[in-house]
Amino acid sequence: AATCMTADGLATALMVMGPQKGVKLVDRLEG
């Protein structure tokens, strides 16, 4: 992601969300 803080927060959130929901979220986020 553009910043490490964003990447770190998202990485942990995606761990919790699970693979399908997590990838679906990232597909909606630009960059």
Full PDB file with SEQRES, HELIX, SHEET, SSBOND, CRYST1, ORIGX, SCALE, CONECT and MASTER records, all heavy atoms in Angstrom:
SEQRES   1 A   31  ALA ALA THR CYS MET THR ALA ASP GLY LEU ALA THR ALA          
SEQRES   2 A   31  LEU MET VAL MET GLY PRO GLN LYS GLY VAL LYS LEU VAL          
SEQRES   3 A   31  ASP ARG LEU GLU GLY                                          
HELIX    1 AA1 CYS A    4  MET A   17  1                                  14    
HELIX    2 AA2 PRO A   19  ARG A   28  1                                  10    
CRYST1    1.000    1.000    1.000  90.00  90.00  90.00 P 1           1          
ORIGX1      1.000000  0.000000  0.000000        0.00000                         
ORIGX2      0.000000  1.000000  0.000000        0.00000                         
ORIGX3      0.000000  0.000000  1.000000        0.00000                         
SCALE1      1.000000  0.000000  0.000000        0.00000                         
SCALE2      0.000000  1.000000  0.000000        0.00000                         
SCALE3      0.000000  0.000000  1.000000        0.00000                         
ATOM      1  N   ALA A   1       0.857  -1.194   0.000  1.00  0.00           N  
ATOM      2  CA  ALA A   1       0.000   0.000   0.000  1.00  0.00           C  
ATOM      3  C   ALA A   1       0.889   1.239   0.000  1.00  0.00           C  
ATOM      4  O   ALA A   1       2.111   1.143   0.117  1.00  0.00           O  
ATOM      5  CB  ALA A   1      -0.926  -0.005   1.214  1.00  0.00           C  
ATOM      6  N   ALA A   2       0.280   2.400  -0.101  1.00  0.00           N  
ATOM      7  CA  ALA A   2       1.017   3.661  -0.176  1.00  0.00           C  
ATOM      8  C   ALA A   2       1.834   3.931   1.089  1.00  0.00           C  
ATOM      9  O   ALA A   2       2.905   4.526   1.021  1.00  0.00           O  
ATOM     10  CB  ALA A   2       0.066   4.820  -0.435  1.00  0.00           C  
ATOM     11  N   THR A   3       1.327   3.511   2.244  1.00  0.00           N  
ATOM     12  CA  THR A   3       2.075   3.704   3.488  1.00  0.00           C  
ATOM     13  C   THR A   3       2.169   2.372   4.231  1.00  0.00           C  
ATOM     14  O   THR A   3       1.281   1.513   4.113  1.00  0.00           O  
ATOM     15  CB  THR A   3       1.409   4.737   4.421  1.00  0.00           C  
ATOM     16  OG1 THR A   3       0.176   4.192   4.916  1.00  0.00           O  
ATOM     17  CG2 THR A   3       1.158   6.060   3.706  1.00  0.00           C  
ATOM     18  N   CYS A   4       3.215   2.238   5.007  1.00  0.00           N  
ATOM     19  CA  CYS A   4       3.396   1.024   5.799  1.00  0.00           C  
ATOM     20  C   CYS A   4       2.297   0.894   6.851  1.00  0.00           C  
ATOM     21  O   CYS A   4       1.854  -0.206   7.145  1.00  0.00           O  
ATOM     22  CB  CYS A   4       4.779   1.015   6.441  1.00  0.00           C  
ATOM     23  SG  CYS A   4       5.175  -0.565   7.221  1.00  0.00           S  
ATOM     24  N   MET A   5       1.842   2.015   7.414  1.00  0.00           N  
ATOM     25  CA  MET A   5       0.781   1.976   8.411  1.00  0.00           C  
ATOM     26  C   MET A   5      -0.499   1.390   7.813  1.00  0.00           C  
ATOM     27  O   MET A   5      -1.152   0.547   8.434  1.00  0.00           O  
ATOM     28  CB  MET A   5       0.498   3.365   8.985  1.00  0.00           C  
ATOM     29  CG  MET A   5      -0.507   3.312  10.098  1.00  0.00           C  
ATOM     30  SD  MET A   5      -0.872   4.831  11.021  1.00  0.00           S  
ATOM     31  CE  MET A   5      -0.132   6.128  10.154  1.00  0.00           C  
ATOM     32  N   THR A   6      -0.831   1.809   6.605  1.00  0.00           N  
ATOM     33  CA  THR A   6      -2.014   1.263   5.930  1.00  0.00           C  
ATOM     34  C   THR A   6      -1.828  -0.226   5.653  1.00  0.00           C  
ATOM     35  O   THR A   6      -2.725  -1.036   5.902  1.00  0.00           O  
ATOM     36  CB  THR A   6      -2.286   2.023   4.616  1.00  0.00           C  
ATOM     37  OG1 THR A   6      -2.528   3.391   4.921  1.00  0.00           O  
ATOM     38  CG2 THR A   6      -3.472   1.447   3.873  1.00  0.00           C  
ATOM     39  N   ALA A   7      -0.658  -0.590   5.137  1.00  0.00           N  
ATOM     40  CA  ALA A   7      -0.380  -1.993   4.819  1.00  0.00           C  
ATOM     41  C   ALA A   7      -0.459  -2.854   6.075  1.00  0.00           C  
ATOM     42  O   ALA A   7      -1.040  -3.947   6.052  1.00  0.00           O  
ATOM     43  CB  ALA A   7       0.990  -2.117   4.158  1.00  0.00           C  
ATOM     44  N   ASP A   8       0.096  -2.381   7.187  1.00  0.00           N  
ATOM     45  CA  ASP A   8       0.106  -3.141   8.430  1.00  0.00           C  
ATOM     46  C   ASP A   8      -1.305  -3.347   8.962  1.00  0.00           C  
ATOM     47  O   ASP A   8      -1.680  -4.462   9.340  1.00  0.00           O  
ATOM     48  CB  ASP A   8       0.974  -2.428   9.466  1.00  0.00           C  
ATOM     49  CG  ASP A   8       1.134  -3.241  10.736  1.00  0.00           C  
ATOM     50  OD1 ASP A   8       1.376  -4.458  10.647  1.00  0.00           O  
ATOM     51  OD2 ASP A   8       1.027  -2.644  11.824  1.00  0.00           O  
ATOM     52  N   GLY A   9      -2.079  -2.289   8.985  1.00  0.00           N  
ATOM     53  CA  GLY A   9      -3.460  -2.410   9.457  1.00  0.00           C  
ATOM     54  C   GLY A   9      -4.278  -3.345   8.595  1.00  0.00           C  
ATOM     55  O   GLY A   9      -5.032  -4.184   9.097  1.00  0.00           O  
ATOM     56  N   LEU A  10      -4.118  -3.223   7.287  1.00  0.00           N  
ATOM     57  CA  LEU A  10      -4.855  -4.095   6.373  1.00  0.00           C  
ATOM     58  C   LEU A  10      -4.413  -5.549   6.502  1.00  0.00           C  
ATOM     59  O   LEU A  10      -5.250  -6.463   6.467  1.00  0.00           O  
ATOM     60  CB  LEU A  10      -4.698  -3.628   4.927  1.00  0.00           C  
ATOM     61  CG  LEU A  10      -5.561  -2.456   4.514  1.00  0.00           C  
ATOM     62  CD1 LEU A  10      -5.142  -1.936   3.140  1.00  0.00           C  
ATOM     63  CD2 LEU A  10      -7.035  -2.851   4.504  1.00  0.00           C  
ATOM     64  N   ALA A  11      -3.119  -5.783   6.646  1.00  0.00           N  
ATOM     65  CA  ALA A  11      -2.626  -7.165   6.749  1.00  0.00           C  
ATOM     66  C   ALA A  11      -3.264  -7.866   7.947  1.00  0.00           C  
ATOM     67  O   ALA A  11      -3.725  -9.011   7.831  1.00  0.00           O  
ATOM     68  CB  ALA A  11      -1.106  -7.176   6.853  1.00  0.00           C  
ATOM     69  N   THR A  12      -3.319  -7.191   9.078  1.00  0.00           N  
ATOM     70  CA  THR A  12      -3.938  -7.793  10.262  1.00  0.00           C  
ATOM     71  C   THR A  12      -5.442  -7.951  10.071  1.00  0.00           C  
ATOM     72  O   THR A  12      -6.016  -8.986  10.408  1.00  0.00           O  
ATOM     73  CB  THR A  12      -3.637  -6.954  11.516  1.00  0.00           C  
ATOM     74  OG1 THR A  12      -2.212  -6.852  11.657  1.00  0.00           O  
ATOM     75  CG2 THR A  12      -4.224  -7.593  12.762  1.00  0.00           C  
ATOM     76  N   ALA A  13      -6.089  -6.943   9.508  1.00  0.00           N  
ATOM     77  CA  ALA A  13      -7.534  -7.033   9.266  1.00  0.00           C  
ATOM     78  C   ALA A  13      -7.865  -8.183   8.321  1.00  0.00           C  
ATOM     79  O   ALA A  13      -8.833  -8.917   8.548  1.00  0.00           O  
ATOM     80  CB  ALA A  13      -8.050  -5.715   8.687  1.00  0.00           C  
ATOM     81  N   LEU A  14      -7.064  -8.363   7.282  1.00  0.00           N  
ATOM     82  CA  LEU A  14      -7.315  -9.450   6.328  1.00  0.00           C  
ATOM     83  C   LEU A  14      -7.124 -10.805   6.987  1.00  0.00           C  
ATOM     84  O   LEU A  14      -7.814 -11.768   6.644  1.00  0.00           O  
ATOM     85  CB  LEU A  14      -6.418  -9.319   5.104  1.00  0.00           C  
ATOM     86  CG  LEU A  14      -6.599  -8.046   4.270  1.00  0.00           C  
ATOM     87  CD1 LEU A  14      -5.685  -8.078   3.056  1.00  0.00           C  
ATOM     88  CD2 LEU A  14      -8.030  -7.823   3.860  1.00  0.00           C  
ATOM     89  N   MET A  15      -6.178 -10.907   7.933  1.00  0.00           N  
ATOM     90  CA  MET A  15      -6.010 -12.159   8.683  1.00  0.00           C  
ATOM     91  C   MET A  15      -7.315 -12.527   9.383  1.00  0.00           C  
ATOM     92  O   MET A  15      -7.709 -13.686   9.410  1.00  0.00           O  
ATOM     93  CB  MET A  15      -4.916 -12.007   9.752  1.00  0.00           C  
ATOM     94  CG  MET A  15      -3.505 -11.956   9.267  1.00  0.00           C  
ATOM     95  SD  MET A  15      -2.789 -13.560   8.882  1.00  0.00           S  
ATOM     96  CE  MET A  15      -2.997 -14.499  10.367  1.00  0.00           C  
ATOM     97  N   VAL A  16      -7.980 -11.529   9.934  1.00  0.00           N  
ATOM     98  CA  VAL A  16      -9.220 -11.766  10.669  1.00  0.00           C  
ATOM     99  C   VAL A  16     -10.385 -12.024   9.709  1.00  0.00           C  
ATOM    100  O   VAL A  16     -11.207 -12.911   9.941  1.00  0.00           O  
ATOM    101  CB  VAL A  16      -9.538 -10.569  11.595  1.00  0.00           C  
ATOM    102  CG1 VAL A  16     -10.908 -10.727  12.245  1.00  0.00           C  
ATOM    103  CG2 VAL A  16      -8.451 -10.425  12.657  1.00  0.00           C  
ATOM    104  N   MET A  17     -10.432 -11.280   8.617  1.00  0.00           N  
ATOM    105  CA  MET A  17     -11.555 -11.375   7.679  1.00  0.00           C  
ATOM    106  C   MET A  17     -11.633 -12.712   6.960  1.00  0.00           C  
ATOM    107  O   MET A  17     -12.713 -13.162   6.593  1.00  0.00           O  
ATOM    108  CB  MET A  17     -11.466 -10.263   6.633  1.00  0.00           C  
ATOM    109  CG  MET A  17     -11.670  -8.882   7.191  1.00  0.00           C  
ATOM    110  SD  MET A  17     -11.384  -7.603   5.964  1.00  0.00           S  
ATOM    111  CE  MET A  17     -12.866  -7.798   4.966  1.00  0.00           C  
ATOM    112  N   GLY A  18     -10.487 -13.323   6.717  1.00  0.00           N  
ATOM    113  CA  GLY A  18     -10.456 -14.556   5.944  1.00  0.00           C  
ATOM    114  C   GLY A  18     -10.121 -14.272   4.496  1.00  0.00           C  
ATOM    115  O   GLY A  18     -10.201 -13.123   4.039  1.00  0.00           O  
ATOM    116  N   PRO A  19      -9.728 -15.307   3.749  1.00  0.00           N  
ATOM    117  CA  PRO A  19      -9.223 -15.086   2.398  1.00  0.00           C  
ATOM    118  C   PRO A  19     -10.237 -14.486   1.424  1.00  0.00           C  
ATOM    119  O   PRO A  19      -9.905 -13.552   0.694  1.00  0.00           O  
ATOM    120  CB  PRO A  19      -8.757 -16.466   1.943  1.00  0.00           C  
ATOM    121  CG  PRO A  19      -9.275 -17.438   2.926  1.00  0.00           C  
ATOM    122  CD  PRO A  19      -9.647 -16.697   4.163  1.00  0.00           C  
ATOM    123  N   GLN A  20     -11.437 -14.993   1.379  1.00  0.00           N  
ATOM    124  CA  GLN A  20     -12.401 -14.506   0.395  1.00  0.00           C  
ATOM    125  C   GLN A  20     -12.815 -13.065   0.667  1.00  0.00           C  
ATOM    126  O   GLN A  20     -12.763 -12.208  -0.220  1.00  0.00           O  
ATOM    127  CB  GLN A  20     -13.643 -15.410   0.334  1.00  0.00           C  
ATOM    128  CG  GLN A  20     -13.377 -16.763  -0.278  1.00  0.00           C  
ATOM    129  CD  GLN A  20     -12.768 -17.755   0.707  1.00  0.00           C  
ATOM    130  OE1 GLN A  20     -12.848 -17.581   1.926  1.00  0.00           O  
ATOM    131  NE2 GLN A  20     -12.132 -18.788   0.183  1.00  0.00           N  
ATOM    132  N   LYS A  21     -13.244 -12.782   1.881  1.00  0.00           N  
ATOM    133  CA  LYS A  21     -13.674 -11.428   2.217  1.00  0.00           C  
ATOM    134  C   LYS A  21     -12.514 -10.443   2.146  1.00  0.00           C  
ATOM    135  O   LYS A  21     -12.684  -9.300   1.726  1.00  0.00           O  
ATOM    136  CB  LYS A  21     -14.300 -11.386   3.611  1.00  0.00           C  
ATOM    137  CG  LYS A  21     -15.659 -12.034   3.687  1.00  0.00           C  
ATOM    138  CD  LYS A  21     -16.220 -11.940   5.078  1.00  0.00           C  
ATOM    139  CE  LYS A  21     -17.577 -12.625   5.156  1.00  0.00           C  
ATOM    140  NZ  LYS A  21     -18.120 -12.588   6.514  1.00  0.00           N  
ATOM    141  N   GLY A  22     -11.325 -10.883   2.562  1.00  0.00           N  
ATOM    142  CA  GLY A  22     -10.161 -10.011   2.542  1.00  0.00           C  
ATOM    143  C   GLY A  22      -9.765  -9.595   1.135  1.00  0.00           C  
ATOM    144  O   GLY A  22      -9.533  -8.415   0.864  1.00  0.00           O  
ATOM    145  N   VAL A  23      -9.695 -10.559   0.218  1.00  0.00           N  
ATOM    146  CA  VAL A  23      -9.335 -10.245  -1.170  1.00  0.00           C  
ATOM    147  C   VAL A  23     -10.411  -9.378  -1.807  1.00  0.00           C  
ATOM    148  O   VAL A  23     -10.112  -8.455  -2.568  1.00  0.00           O  
ATOM    149  CB  VAL A  23      -9.087 -11.534  -1.978  1.00  0.00           C  
ATOM    150  CG1 VAL A  23      -8.951 -11.243  -3.462  1.00  0.00           C  
ATOM    151  CG2 VAL A  23      -7.829 -12.242  -1.464  1.00  0.00           C  
ATOM    152  N   LYS A  24     -11.659  -9.642  -1.465  1.00  0.00           N  
ATOM    153  CA  LYS A  24     -12.760  -8.824  -1.982  1.00  0.00           C  
ATOM    154  C   LYS A  24     -12.604  -7.362  -1.570  1.00  0.00           C  
ATOM    155  O   LYS A  24     -12.824  -6.447  -2.358  1.00  0.00           O  
ATOM    156  CB  LYS A  24     -14.087  -9.383  -1.473  1.00  0.00           C  
ATOM    157  CG  LYS A  24     -15.276  -9.093  -2.312  1.00  0.00           C  
ATOM    158  CD  LYS A  24     -16.469  -9.820  -1.717  1.00  0.00           C  
ATOM    159  CE  LYS A  24     -17.435 -10.161  -2.793  1.00  0.00           C  
ATOM    160  NZ  LYS A  24     -18.609 -10.860  -2.302  1.00  0.00           N  
ATOM    161  N   LEU A  25     -12.196  -7.123  -0.319  1.00  0.00           N  
ATOM    162  CA  LEU A  25     -11.961  -5.769   0.157  1.00  0.00           C  
ATOM    163  C   LEU A  25     -10.807  -5.126  -0.612  1.00  0.00           C  
ATOM    164  O   LEU A  25     -10.924  -3.999  -1.093  1.00  0.00           O  
ATOM    165  CB  LEU A  25     -11.648  -5.762   1.653  1.00  0.00           C  
ATOM    166  CG  LEU A  25     -11.147  -4.430   2.221  1.00  0.00           C  
ATOM    167  CD1 LEU A  25     -12.217  -3.352   2.095  1.00  0.00           C  
ATOM    168  CD2 LEU A  25     -10.690  -4.594   3.658  1.00  0.00           C  
ATOM    169  N   VAL A  26      -9.689  -5.817  -0.722  1.00  0.00           N  
ATOM    170  CA  VAL A  26      -8.515  -5.266  -1.411  1.00  0.00           C  
ATOM    171  C   VAL A  26      -8.835  -4.958  -2.871  1.00  0.00           C  
ATOM    172  O   VAL A  26      -8.352  -3.959  -3.411  1.00  0.00           O  
ATOM    173  CB  VAL A  26      -7.312  -6.226  -1.280  1.00  0.00           C  
ATOM    174  CG1 VAL A  26      -6.171  -5.811  -2.195  1.00  0.00           C  
ATOM    175  CG2 VAL A  26      -6.832  -6.266   0.166  1.00  0.00           C  
ATOM    176  N   ASP A  27      -9.647  -5.773  -3.505  1.00  0.00           N  
ATOM    177  CA  ASP A  27     -10.034  -5.512  -4.903  1.00  0.00           C  
ATOM    178  C   ASP A  27     -10.749  -4.167  -5.051  1.00  0.00           C  
ATOM    179  O   ASP A  27     -10.729  -3.581  -6.128  1.00  0.00           O  
ATOM    180  CB  ASP A  27     -10.927  -6.632  -5.440  1.00  0.00           C  
ATOM    181  CG  ASP A  27     -10.155  -7.889  -5.760  1.00  0.00           C  
ATOM    182  OD1 ASP A  27      -8.904  -7.833  -5.854  1.00  0.00           O  
ATOM    183  OD2 ASP A  27     -10.801  -8.956  -5.922  1.00  0.00           O  
ATOM    184  N   ARG A  28     -11.362  -3.679  -3.993  1.00  0.00           N  
ATOM    185  CA  ARG A  28     -12.071  -2.398  -4.045  1.00  0.00           C  
ATOM    186  C   ARG A  28     -11.176  -1.208  -3.702  1.00  0.00           C  
ATOM    187  O   ARG A  28     -11.589  -0.059  -3.856  1.00  0.00           O  
ATOM    188  CB  ARG A  28     -13.260  -2.419  -3.078  1.00  0.00           C  
ATOM    189  CG  ARG A  28     -14.336  -3.417  -3.468  1.00  0.00           C  
ATOM    190  CD  ARG A  28     -15.636  -3.225  -2.687  1.00  0.00           C  
ATOM    191  NE  ARG A  28     -15.468  -2.871  -1.294  1.00  0.00           N  
ATOM    192  CZ  ARG A  28     -15.702  -3.668  -0.255  1.00  0.00           C  
ATOM    193  NH1 ARG A  28     -16.078  -4.906  -0.451  1.00  0.00           N  
ATOM    194  NH2 ARG A  28     -15.546  -3.243   0.975  1.00  0.00           N  
ATOM    195  N   LEU A  29      -9.965  -1.460  -3.210  1.00  0.00           N  
ATOM    196  CA  LEU A  29      -9.069  -0.389  -2.776  1.00  0.00           C  
ATOM    197  C   LEU A  29      -8.050  -0.060  -3.867  1.00  0.00           C  
ATOM    198  O   LEU A  29      -7.318  -0.941  -4.316  1.00  0.00           O  
ATOM    199  CB  LEU A  29      -8.333  -0.799  -1.500  1.00  0.00           C  
ATOM    200  CG  LEU A  29      -9.222  -1.116  -0.296  1.00  0.00           C  
ATOM    201  CD1 LEU A  29      -8.381  -1.639   0.855  1.00  0.00           C  
ATOM    202  CD2 LEU A  29     -10.016   0.111   0.123  1.00  0.00           C  
ATOM    203  N   GLU A  30      -8.012   1.188  -4.257  1.00  0.00           N  
ATOM    204  CA  GLU A  30      -7.084   1.623  -5.301  1.00  0.00           C  
ATOM    205  C   GLU A  30      -5.656   1.649  -4.762  1.00  0.00           C  
ATOM    206  O   GLU A  30      -5.400   2.141  -3.660  1.00  0.00           O  
ATOM    207  CB  GLU A  30      -7.475   3.015  -5.794  1.00  0.00           C  
ATOM    208  CG  GLU A  30      -6.715   3.439  -7.021  1.00  0.00           C  
ATOM    209  CD  GLU A  30      -7.240   4.747  -7.580  1.00  0.00           C  
ATOM    210  OE1 GLU A  30      -8.466   4.961  -7.535  1.00  0.00           O  
ATOM    211  OE2 GLU A  30      -6.413   5.543  -8.027  1.00  0.00           O  
ATOM    212  N   GLY A  31      -4.724   1.098  -5.526  1.00  0.00           N  
ATOM    213  CA  GLY A  31      -3.315   1.138  -5.158  1.00  0.00           C  
ATOM    214  C   GLY A  31      -2.915   0.177  -4.057  1.00  0.00           C  
ATOM    215  O   GLY A  31      -1.858   0.335  -3.450  1.00  0.00           O  
TER     216      GLY A  31                                                      
MASTER        0    0    0    2    0    0    0    6  215    1    0    3          
END                                                                             
